[in-house]
Amino acid sequence: MKPANYPKRPVHLWENFYQITQIPRPSKKEQKILQFIIDLADSLDMAHQQDAAGNLVVYVPGTRDRENRPAVIIQNHVDMVTVKTSDNPHVFDTDPLTLVVEGGWLKADRTTLGADNGIGCAAALALMTDKTVEHGPLELLFTVDEETGLNGASDLDASLLSASLMLNLDTEDWQELYVGCAGGHGWKFTKKVTREAPDKDAVGQQLLMRGLTGGHSGVQIHQQLGNANKLLGYWMQAATALGVQVSSFQSGIAHNVISREGAITYTVPATQIAAVAALNERLLGQWATWLPETDRTLTLTVETVAVSDVLTNDSQTQLLHWLLTFPHGAQTYNFEQPADLVNLSVNLAVVRVTGDQFESQASVRFFNADESENLVSSVLALADLFGFHYETILDYPSWKPDFSSPLLAQAKDLHKQLFQVTPEIKAIHAGLECGILKSKKSDMDILSFGPTIRGAHSPTERLEIATVEPFWLFLVALLRAI
């Protein structure tokens, strides 16, 4: 149900966004949202095409006296990251999102909102439905499977597109124009573990780590948010000295998310149960001295569970050392732009040990591929040292900033005219699809912008309502000017 205080202007954009939030659209399961767009296009007699990967292009004719203007691509991805709090029964494959308006922000009830990139999709649909907008021919490109590795863009059939101008609506800071984005590498690491029976006098327990903020492994990596994988590794190091034997480990959901919670199932000698409880209190106190304030809701809780087997000492040591030695966080910064622009980073994203399988996922982001080579070599050397089999799960180019772009110059001047503010010109430490699309159509002049979103890829994701209307006005004015 739409909240009573749900935003109303611009009408077409907000109504389309609400419809999008009611349609399940996890990565790789975008059929319902694509069909919604196709049905809308058909109802408006607008042509559309899909490629083999599922990417959809809707062709919107130019409005009166603008039919022969240059065509413009409006690009967004239709999938969303699906993260929720542990107390939320929401099922992303089937359930609509429950929306909440609070303090000038739109969010969802304990789940990701999907404003990344749903608000851009809503703007594109509004260009279809709002007949007051003046524009030349538009090619509305809706890509699939962006959040798991930009796979839709990588597999795009570029022959569906004719335009040489592109507006990407997938950045998250209003009054900033983006002309560059990071590239990325990512891997899945796997190996076998060995198991044995636990000690006879041991008690089975499960440690639950909750309350970290988590978030986007690109745009938030400089915030030094707590990573549940790393923190659980520190816990394991101390707990091993108390005789803890690990049975299973689970933390992280995807390569592009900073892990916010996790669980370890283990056994502990009955005589050390109190010591484990004391350890939890001590570590929480220590971590609170250096974690950012937003992470200080962190909790460690323990439940009694049945444990039938545990890792052998060798396998437990391998898990512990992987958690402790694998790098995580910002590695280098850009000297020419503000310090929150990271040049190179790495995210230890997922660690899982269940049955006889040890799996981990990690990714590296970069602007300069040459600079990333040493970090990539270090990561893969570490995997070789631990005896992991690894496979590449993402590999995409950066979009190198073009500060001489004619589209950028036009947009910058227009923004200043409309809002009496000179927009900041930036690159983003995240994997926009622009780099891939530019590699497929090298003649494209690209610009990216969007309203303000915070907490993307986490249950705290929220959209600043006051930035949406000016974002829309700017988009409409830019299309009128091109």
Protein backbone atom coordinates (compact mmCIF):
# COMPACT_ATOMS: atom_id res chain seq x y z
CA MET A 1 0.00 0.00 0.00
CA LYS A 2 1.25 3.47 -0.90
CA PRO A 3 2.05 5.55 2.21
CA ALA A 4 -0.35 8.45 2.83
CA ASN A 5 2.58 10.88 2.70
CA TYR A 6 4.11 9.38 -0.45
CA PRO A 7 5.61 12.13 -2.67
CA LYS A 8 3.41 13.54 -5.43
CA ARG A 9 5.56 15.74 -7.69
CA PRO A 10 6.66 15.08 -10.36
CA VAL A 11 3.53 12.96 -10.78
CA HIS A 12 4.65 10.64 -13.56
CA LEU A 13 8.03 9.87 -12.03
CA TRP A 14 6.73 9.12 -8.54
CA GLU A 15 3.85 7.00 -9.80
CA ASN A 16 6.14 4.95 -11.99
CA PHE A 17 8.59 4.49 -9.13
CA TYR A 18 5.82 3.23 -6.87
CA GLN A 19 4.79 0.68 -9.52
CA ILE A 20 8.41 -0.44 -9.82
CA THR A 21 8.67 -1.03 -6.05
CA GLN A 22 5.67 -3.34 -6.21
CA ILE A 23 7.28 -5.62 -8.80
CA PRO A 24 9.91 -8.14 -7.58
CA ARG A 25 13.15 -7.65 -9.54
CA PRO A 26 16.15 -9.44 -8.04
CA SER A 27 19.17 -9.80 -10.29
CA LYS A 28 18.68 -12.58 -12.85
CA LYS A 29 14.92 -12.53 -12.15
CA GLU A 30 13.91 -9.39 -14.03
CA GLN A 31 11.18 -10.93 -16.21
CA LYS A 32 8.29 -9.24 -14.36
CA ILE A 33 9.70 -5.74 -14.48
CA LEU A 34 10.70 -6.13 -18.13
CA GLN A 35 7.20 -7.30 -18.99
CA PHE A 36 5.76 -4.30 -17.15
CA ILE A 37 7.88 -1.97 -19.33
CA ILE A 38 6.99 -3.87 -22.51
CA ASP A 39 3.28 -3.70 -21.69
CA LEU A 40 3.58 0.04 -21.07
CA ALA A 41 5.41 0.55 -24.37
CA ASP A 42 2.76 -1.47 -26.21
CA SER A 43 -0.03 0.57 -24.65
CA LEU A 44 1.65 3.71 -26.01
CA ASP A 45 2.42 2.19 -29.45
CA MET A 46 6.16 2.53 -28.89
CA ALA A 47 8.50 0.11 -30.62
CA HIS A 48 10.85 -2.00 -28.52
CA GLN A 49 13.48 -4.71 -28.94
CA GLN A 50 15.22 -7.18 -26.63
CA ASP A 51 18.55 -8.87 -27.15
CA ALA A 52 19.48 -12.43 -26.21
CA ALA A 53 20.66 -11.33 -22.76
CA GLY A 54 17.28 -9.78 -21.96
CA ASN A 55 18.30 -6.12 -22.26
CA LEU A 56 15.38 -4.02 -23.49
CA VAL A 57 15.34 -0.89 -25.64
CA VAL A 58 12.17 1.20 -26.01
CA TYR A 59 12.17 3.68 -28.88
CA VAL A 60 10.36 6.91 -28.01
CA PRO A 61 9.72 9.17 -31.02
CA GLY A 62 10.73 12.79 -30.84
CA THR A 63 7.99 15.21 -29.91
CA ARG A 64 6.54 17.73 -32.35
CA ASP A 65 9.18 19.69 -34.31
CA ARG A 66 11.94 17.66 -32.61
CA GLU A 67 11.74 14.48 -34.64
CA ASN A 68 15.06 15.20 -36.36
CA ARG A 69 17.03 16.18 -33.27
CA PRO A 70 19.97 13.94 -32.24
CA ALA A 71 18.80 10.72 -30.57
CA VAL A 72 19.68 10.25 -26.91
CA ILE A 73 20.10 7.00 -24.98
CA ILE A 74 18.62 7.03 -21.47
CA GLN A 75 20.28 4.14 -19.63
CA ASN A 76 19.34 2.35 -16.41
CA HIS A 77 19.44 -1.17 -15.00
CA VAL A 78 16.23 -2.85 -13.84
CA ASP A 79 17.57 -5.24 -11.18
CA MET A 80 18.10 -4.39 -7.51
CA VAL A 81 20.23 -5.62 -4.63
CA THR A 82 18.11 -7.69 -2.25
CA VAL A 83 19.23 -7.21 1.35
CA LYS A 84 17.04 -7.23 4.46
CA THR A 85 17.44 -7.32 8.21
CA SER A 86 17.42 -10.72 9.88
CA ASP A 87 14.06 -10.08 11.57
CA ASN A 88 12.24 -9.33 8.31
CA PRO A 89 10.25 -12.17 6.64
CA HIS A 90 10.19 -10.34 3.28
CA VAL A 91 10.61 -12.59 0.22
CA PHE A 92 12.25 -10.62 -2.59
CA ASP A 93 11.20 -13.07 -5.30
CA THR A 94 7.49 -12.56 -4.63
CA ASP A 95 6.76 -9.67 -2.25
CA PRO A 96 6.26 -5.98 -3.07
CA LEU A 97 8.33 -3.55 -1.05
CA THR A 98 6.77 -1.77 1.91
CA LEU A 99 7.56 1.93 1.61
CA VAL A 100 8.11 4.40 4.44
CA VAL A 101 8.46 8.21 4.30
CA GLU A 102 10.44 9.57 7.21
CA GLY A 103 12.27 12.86 7.77
CA GLY A 104 12.33 13.85 4.11
CA TRP A 105 13.55 10.45 2.92
CA LEU A 106 11.80 7.56 1.19
CA LYS A 107 12.92 4.12 2.32
CA ALA A 108 11.63 0.57 2.62
CA ASP A 109 10.73 -1.33 5.76
CA ARG A 110 13.97 -3.10 6.73
CA THR A 111 14.93 -3.93 3.12
CA THR A 112 16.80 -2.30 0.31
CA LEU A 113 14.63 0.26 -1.49
CA GLY A 114 15.89 -0.34 -5.01
CA ALA A 115 16.16 3.38 -5.74
CA ASP A 116 19.48 2.14 -7.10
CA ASN A 117 18.59 2.18 -10.05
CA GLY A 118 14.79 2.13 -9.82
CA ILE A 119 14.47 5.90 -9.58
CA GLY A 120 16.33 6.23 -12.87
CA CYS A 121 14.05 3.61 -14.43
CA ALA A 122 11.06 5.59 -13.16
CA ALA A 123 12.42 8.75 -14.80
CA ALA A 124 12.80 6.87 -18.09
CA LEU A 125 9.23 5.58 -17.87
CA ALA A 126 8.02 9.10 -17.06
CA LEU A 127 9.58 10.25 -20.33
CA MET A 128 7.27 7.73 -22.00
CA THR A 129 4.10 8.72 -20.17
CA ASP A 130 4.43 12.48 -19.58
CA LYS A 131 3.28 14.16 -22.79
CA THR A 132 4.37 17.62 -21.61
CA VAL A 133 8.06 16.76 -21.99
CA GLU A 134 9.77 18.00 -25.18
CA HIS A 135 12.57 15.86 -26.55
CA GLY A 136 14.15 14.42 -29.64
CA PRO A 137 14.14 10.66 -30.34
CA LEU A 138 14.94 8.62 -27.25
CA GLU A 139 16.35 5.12 -26.90
CA LEU A 140 15.45 3.96 -23.40
CA LEU A 141 17.94 1.23 -22.53
CA PHE A 142 17.00 -1.03 -19.61
CA THR A 143 19.81 -3.46 -18.83
CA VAL A 144 19.59 -6.62 -16.74
CA ASP A 145 21.78 -8.27 -14.11
CA GLU A 146 23.84 -5.20 -13.31
CA GLU A 147 24.24 -5.80 -9.60
CA THR A 148 25.93 -9.20 -9.86
CA GLY A 149 28.64 -8.05 -12.28
CA LEU A 150 27.26 -5.72 -15.01
CA ASN A 151 26.44 -8.82 -17.01
CA GLY A 152 23.59 -7.32 -19.02
CA ALA A 153 25.73 -4.47 -20.29
CA SER A 154 28.58 -6.86 -21.04
CA ASP A 155 26.28 -8.99 -23.20
CA LEU A 156 24.41 -6.09 -24.81
CA ASP A 157 23.78 -6.24 -28.54
CA ALA A 158 24.90 -2.70 -29.33
CA SER A 159 23.25 -2.83 -32.76
CA LEU A 160 19.99 -2.04 -30.95
CA LEU A 161 21.32 1.48 -30.35
CA SER A 162 21.96 4.26 -32.86
CA ALA A 163 22.53 7.32 -30.66
CA SER A 164 25.92 8.80 -29.83
CA LEU A 165 24.72 10.70 -26.75
CA MET A 166 23.91 8.84 -23.51
CA LEU A 167 22.53 9.87 -20.14
CA ASN A 168 23.07 7.32 -17.38
CA LEU A 169 20.80 7.93 -14.37
CA ASP A 170 22.55 5.65 -11.88
CA THR A 171 24.63 7.98 -9.71
CA GLU A 172 23.55 9.01 -6.23
CA ASP A 173 24.49 12.62 -5.41
CA TRP A 174 22.35 15.46 -6.68
CA GLN A 175 24.16 18.52 -8.08
CA GLU A 176 27.06 16.34 -9.17
CA LEU A 177 27.76 15.38 -12.78
CA TYR A 178 29.77 12.23 -13.33
CA VAL A 179 32.12 11.67 -16.24
CA GLY A 180 33.99 8.56 -15.09
CA CYS A 181 33.57 5.33 -13.15
CA ALA A 182 35.71 2.52 -11.82
CA GLY A 183 36.37 -0.77 -13.53
CA GLY A 184 36.41 -4.03 -11.65
CA HIS A 185 37.71 -7.55 -11.26
CA GLY A 186 36.04 -10.19 -9.12
CA TRP A 187 36.54 -13.83 -8.20
CA LYS A 188 34.91 -16.79 -6.57
CA PHE A 189 37.35 -18.94 -4.57
CA THR A 190 36.56 -22.53 -3.59
CA LYS A 191 38.27 -25.45 -1.89
CA LYS A 192 37.38 -28.52 0.13
CA VAL A 193 37.53 -28.71 3.91
CA THR A 194 37.87 -31.75 6.16
CA ARG A 195 35.78 -32.55 9.22
CA GLU A 196 35.89 -34.60 12.39
CA ALA A 197 33.75 -35.33 15.43
CA PRO A 198 33.72 -32.62 18.10
CA ASP A 199 35.18 -33.19 21.55
CA LYS A 200 32.77 -35.19 23.73
CA ASP A 201 32.43 -32.59 26.46
CA ALA A 202 31.93 -29.71 24.03
CA VAL A 203 28.75 -27.62 23.83
CA GLY A 204 27.33 -26.49 20.50
CA GLN A 205 26.71 -22.78 20.03
CA GLN A 206 26.06 -20.27 17.26
CA LEU A 207 27.45 -16.75 17.31
CA LEU A 208 25.30 -14.17 15.48
CA MET A 209 26.83 -10.85 14.47
CA ARG A 210 24.22 -8.19 13.73
CA GLY A 211 23.90 -4.42 13.57
CA LEU A 212 26.65 -3.34 11.18
CA THR A 213 25.68 -0.81 8.53
CA GLY A 214 27.07 -2.61 5.50
CA GLY A 215 26.63 -0.94 2.14
CA HIS A 216 28.07 -0.39 -1.32
CA SER A 217 31.59 -1.71 -1.74
CA GLY A 218 32.43 1.11 -4.16
CA VAL A 219 30.92 4.41 -3.11
CA GLN A 220 31.14 3.63 0.63
CA ILE A 221 34.49 1.84 0.80
CA HIS A 222 36.26 4.99 2.07
CA GLN A 223 33.90 5.21 5.06
CA GLN A 224 35.77 2.35 6.79
CA LEU A 225 32.55 0.57 7.67
CA GLY A 226 32.88 -2.63 9.64
CA ASN A 227 33.12 -5.77 7.51
CA ALA A 228 31.53 -8.77 9.23
CA ASN A 229 33.99 -11.15 7.56
CA LYS A 230 36.98 -9.37 9.03
CA LEU A 231 35.42 -8.87 12.46
CA LEU A 232 34.39 -12.52 12.69
CA GLY A 233 37.96 -13.42 11.80
CA TYR A 234 39.21 -11.40 14.75
CA TRP A 235 36.66 -13.17 16.96
CA MET A 236 37.82 -16.57 15.68
CA GLN A 237 41.43 -15.75 16.42
CA ALA A 238 40.65 -15.05 20.07
CA ALA A 239 38.06 -17.83 20.44
CA THR A 240 40.39 -20.52 19.08
CA ALA A 241 42.60 -19.99 22.13
CA LEU A 242 39.56 -20.93 24.27
CA GLY A 243 39.16 -24.27 22.52
CA VAL A 244 36.41 -23.24 20.08
CA GLN A 245 36.04 -25.65 17.15
CA VAL A 246 34.23 -24.14 14.14
CA SER A 247 31.57 -26.12 12.31
CA SER A 248 30.17 -23.56 9.83
CA PHE A 249 30.73 -19.95 8.82
CA GLN A 250 28.38 -17.66 6.90
CA SER A 251 28.89 -13.98 6.11
CA GLY A 252 28.20 -11.79 3.09
CA ILE A 253 25.74 -11.87 0.22
CA ALA A 254 27.42 -10.50 -2.93
CA HIS A 255 30.73 -9.24 -4.31
CA ASN A 256 29.56 -5.60 -4.35
CA VAL A 257 28.25 -5.45 -0.77
CA ILE A 258 30.24 -4.80 2.40
CA SER A 259 29.17 -7.68 4.64
CA ARG A 260 27.00 -6.44 7.51
CA GLU A 261 26.19 -9.62 9.44
CA GLY A 262 27.28 -13.22 9.83
CA ALA A 263 27.10 -16.40 11.87
CA ILE A 264 29.58 -18.97 13.14
CA THR A 265 28.45 -22.37 14.43
CA TYR A 266 30.98 -24.01 16.74
CA THR A 267 31.60 -26.09 19.82
CA VAL A 268 33.26 -24.88 22.99
CA PRO A 269 34.39 -26.79 26.09
CA ALA A 270 31.75 -26.50 28.81
CA THR A 271 34.35 -24.96 31.09
CA GLN A 272 34.93 -22.09 28.63
CA ILE A 273 31.33 -20.95 28.00
CA ALA A 274 31.69 -18.04 30.41
CA ALA A 275 35.01 -17.12 28.85
CA VAL A 276 33.39 -16.90 25.40
CA ALA A 277 30.69 -14.61 26.78
CA ALA A 278 33.37 -12.41 28.34
CA LEU A 279 35.29 -12.40 25.06
CA ASN A 280 32.22 -11.11 23.22
CA GLU A 281 31.85 -8.20 25.62
CA ARG A 282 35.54 -7.37 25.43
CA LEU A 283 35.63 -7.34 21.63
CA LEU A 284 32.49 -5.23 21.34
CA GLY A 285 34.14 -2.69 23.63
CA GLN A 286 37.36 -2.70 21.62
CA TRP A 287 35.62 -2.42 18.25
CA ALA A 288 33.52 0.49 19.46
CA THR A 289 36.73 2.52 19.90
CA TRP A 290 37.47 2.51 16.17
CA LEU A 291 34.37 1.54 14.18
CA PRO A 292 32.45 4.51 12.72
CA GLU A 293 29.54 5.67 14.84
CA THR A 294 26.99 4.23 12.43
CA ASP A 295 28.36 0.73 13.23
CA ARG A 296 28.13 1.02 17.00
CA THR A 297 24.79 -0.78 17.08
CA LEU A 298 26.85 -3.94 16.49
CA THR A 299 25.75 -6.92 18.62
CA LEU A 300 27.09 -10.40 19.28
CA THR A 301 24.54 -12.93 20.52
CA VAL A 302 24.97 -16.62 21.29
CA GLU A 303 22.44 -19.42 20.93
CA THR A 304 22.75 -23.08 21.94
CA VAL A 305 22.56 -25.40 18.92
CA ALA A 306 23.31 -29.02 18.05
CA VAL A 307 26.64 -29.58 16.30
CA SER A 308 27.45 -32.98 14.79
CA ASP A 309 30.89 -32.28 13.33
CA VAL A 310 33.55 -29.59 13.21
CA LEU A 311 36.43 -28.57 10.97
CA THR A 312 39.72 -30.33 11.48
CA ASN A 313 42.46 -28.19 12.97
CA ASP A 314 44.07 -27.74 9.55
CA SER A 315 40.84 -26.58 7.88
CA GLN A 316 39.98 -24.25 10.76
CA THR A 317 43.45 -22.71 10.57
CA GLN A 318 43.05 -22.19 6.82
CA LEU A 319 39.72 -20.40 7.35
CA LEU A 320 41.13 -18.22 10.11
CA HIS A 321 44.23 -17.22 8.17
CA TRP A 322 42.18 -16.41 5.05
CA LEU A 323 39.99 -14.06 7.11
CA LEU A 324 42.97 -12.40 8.74
CA THR A 325 45.26 -12.00 5.73
CA PHE A 326 42.86 -11.13 2.92
CA PRO A 327 42.98 -7.34 2.31
CA HIS A 328 39.89 -5.18 2.55
CA GLY A 329 39.21 -1.48 2.04
CA ALA A 330 40.52 1.55 0.18
CA GLN A 331 44.08 1.11 -1.06
CA THR A 332 44.87 4.38 -2.88
CA TYR A 333 43.15 7.76 -3.28
CA ASN A 334 42.88 10.29 -6.08
CA PHE A 335 45.17 13.29 -5.53
CA GLU A 336 43.34 15.62 -7.91
CA GLN A 337 39.80 15.27 -6.54
CA PRO A 338 38.38 15.24 -3.00
CA ALA A 339 39.75 12.58 -0.68
CA ASP A 340 36.56 10.56 -0.78
CA LEU A 341 37.38 9.49 -4.36
CA VAL A 342 39.19 6.20 -4.06
CA ASN A 343 41.39 5.08 -6.94
CA LEU A 344 41.84 1.46 -5.89
CA SER A 345 40.01 -0.77 -3.40
CA VAL A 346 39.28 -4.38 -2.49
CA ASN A 347 36.27 -5.95 -0.78
CA LEU A 348 36.32 -9.29 1.05
CA ALA A 349 32.65 -9.81 0.34
CA VAL A 350 31.57 -13.39 1.06
CA VAL A 351 32.90 -16.24 3.18
CA ARG A 352 30.94 -19.47 3.55
CA VAL A 353 31.92 -22.82 5.03
CA THR A 354 29.22 -25.50 4.94
CA GLY A 355 29.56 -29.24 4.49
CA ASP A 356 32.87 -29.94 2.79
CA GLN A 357 32.92 -26.65 0.84
CA PHE A 358 34.82 -23.44 1.58
CA GLU A 359 33.73 -20.57 -0.68
CA SER A 360 34.74 -16.93 -0.75
CA GLN A 361 34.06 -13.99 -3.08
CA ALA A 362 35.99 -10.77 -3.45
CA SER A 363 36.35 -7.88 -5.87
CA VAL A 364 38.80 -5.12 -6.78
CA ARG A 365 37.76 -1.72 -8.15
CA PHE A 366 40.08 0.63 -10.07
CA PHE A 367 40.26 3.64 -12.35
CA ASN A 368 43.64 2.76 -13.78
CA ALA A 369 43.93 -0.89 -14.83
CA ASP A 370 47.71 -0.72 -14.63
CA GLU A 371 47.54 0.41 -11.01
CA SER A 372 45.29 -2.54 -10.15
CA GLU A 373 47.73 -5.16 -11.43
CA ASN A 374 49.80 -5.40 -8.24
CA LEU A 375 46.73 -5.73 -6.02
CA VAL A 376 45.25 -8.36 -8.33
CA SER A 377 48.55 -10.25 -8.25
CA SER A 378 48.56 -10.15 -4.45
CA VAL A 379 44.99 -11.45 -4.22
CA LEU A 380 45.61 -14.33 -6.62
CA ALA A 381 48.96 -15.19 -5.01
CA LEU A 382 47.15 -15.44 -1.68
CA ALA A 383 44.58 -17.76 -3.27
CA ASP A 384 47.38 -19.94 -4.68
CA LEU A 385 49.07 -20.04 -1.28
CA PHE A 386 45.85 -21.30 0.33
CA GLY A 387 45.22 -23.83 -2.42
CA PHE A 388 41.99 -22.27 -3.69
CA HIS A 389 40.51 -22.93 -7.09
CA TYR A 390 39.31 -19.57 -8.41
CA GLU A 391 37.18 -18.34 -11.27
CA THR A 392 36.57 -14.84 -12.57
CA ILE A 393 33.02 -13.65 -11.88
CA LEU A 394 33.40 -10.10 -13.17
CA ASP A 395 35.84 -8.19 -15.33
CA TYR A 396 34.83 -4.85 -16.78
CA PRO A 397 36.61 -1.67 -17.92
CA SER A 398 36.62 1.72 -16.25
CA TRP A 399 35.09 4.79 -17.84
CA LYS A 400 37.97 7.23 -17.96
CA PRO A 401 36.89 10.82 -17.27
CA ASP A 402 36.50 13.11 -20.29
CA PHE A 403 36.49 16.66 -18.95
CA SER A 404 36.40 18.09 -22.49
CA SER A 405 33.06 16.43 -23.28
CA PRO A 406 30.67 18.76 -25.21
CA LEU A 407 27.74 17.10 -23.42
CA LEU A 408 29.34 17.86 -20.05
CA ALA A 409 29.90 21.52 -20.98
CA GLN A 410 26.29 21.89 -22.08
CA ALA A 411 24.95 20.18 -18.96
CA LYS A 412 27.18 22.20 -16.61
CA ASP A 413 26.02 25.51 -18.07
CA LEU A 414 22.37 24.44 -18.00
CA HIS A 415 22.59 23.32 -14.38
CA LYS A 416 24.02 26.68 -13.36
CA GLN A 417 21.25 28.52 -15.25
CA LEU A 418 18.49 26.44 -13.64
CA PHE A 419 19.70 26.27 -10.05
CA GLN A 420 22.28 29.10 -9.73
CA VAL A 421 24.75 26.47 -8.57
CA THR A 422 27.77 25.17 -10.46
CA PRO A 423 27.62 21.38 -10.23
CA GLU A 424 30.60 19.41 -9.08
CA ILE A 425 32.27 17.36 -11.82
CA LYS A 426 33.29 13.95 -10.54
CA ALA A 427 34.14 10.36 -11.19
CA ILE A 428 32.67 7.59 -9.04
CA HIS A 429 34.40 4.62 -7.42
CA ALA A 430 31.67 2.24 -8.55
CA GLY A 431 31.04 0.07 -11.57
CA LEU A 432 28.58 2.01 -13.69
CA GLU A 433 27.74 0.36 -16.97
CA CYS A 434 29.09 3.39 -18.82
CA GLY A 435 32.58 1.92 -19.21
CA ILE A 436 31.26 -1.23 -20.83
CA LEU A 437 28.83 0.63 -23.07
CA LYS A 438 31.55 3.07 -24.13
CA SER A 439 33.73 0.09 -25.10
CA LYS A 440 30.89 -1.14 -27.34
CA LYS A 441 30.15 2.27 -28.88
CA SER A 442 33.33 4.31 -28.73
CA ASP A 443 31.68 7.35 -30.35
CA MET A 444 29.36 7.91 -27.39
CA ASP A 445 29.49 11.08 -25.30
CA ILE A 446 28.23 10.05 -21.84
CA LEU A 447 27.07 11.86 -18.72
CA SER A 448 25.72 10.40 -15.48
CA PHE A 449 23.65 12.07 -12.75
CA GLY A 450 20.83 11.31 -10.34
CA PRO A 451 19.06 12.31 -7.12
CA THR A 452 20.61 11.69 -3.72
CA ILE A 453 20.59 8.10 -2.42
CA ARG A 454 22.24 6.93 0.77
CA GLY A 455 22.91 3.43 2.09
CA ALA A 456 22.61 1.67 -1.27
CA HIS A 457 22.96 -2.12 -1.06
CA SER A 458 21.81 -2.13 2.58
CA PRO A 459 18.50 -2.09 4.48
CA THR A 460 19.20 1.56 5.30
CA GLU A 461 18.95 2.55 1.61
CA ARG A 462 17.00 5.78 1.31
CA LEU A 463 16.16 8.38 -1.32
CA GLU A 464 16.17 12.10 -0.50
CA ILE A 465 12.77 13.26 -1.69
CA ALA A 466 13.69 16.93 -2.11
CA THR A 467 16.34 16.07 -4.73
CA VAL A 468 14.00 14.15 -7.04
CA GLU A 469 12.03 17.07 -8.50
CA PRO A 470 15.12 19.14 -9.44
CA PHE A 471 16.71 15.98 -10.87
CA TRP A 472 13.65 15.56 -13.09
CA LEU A 473 13.57 19.25 -14.08
CA PHE A 474 17.24 19.07 -15.05
CA LEU A 475 16.72 15.89 -17.10
CA VAL A 476 13.76 17.42 -18.94
CA ALA A 477 15.58 20.72 -19.60
CA LEU A 478 18.69 18.91 -20.85
CA LEU A 479 16.66 16.80 -23.28
CA ARG A 480 14.94 19.95 -24.50
CA ALA A 481 18.30 21.63 -25.07
CA ILE A 482 20.07 18.78 -26.88
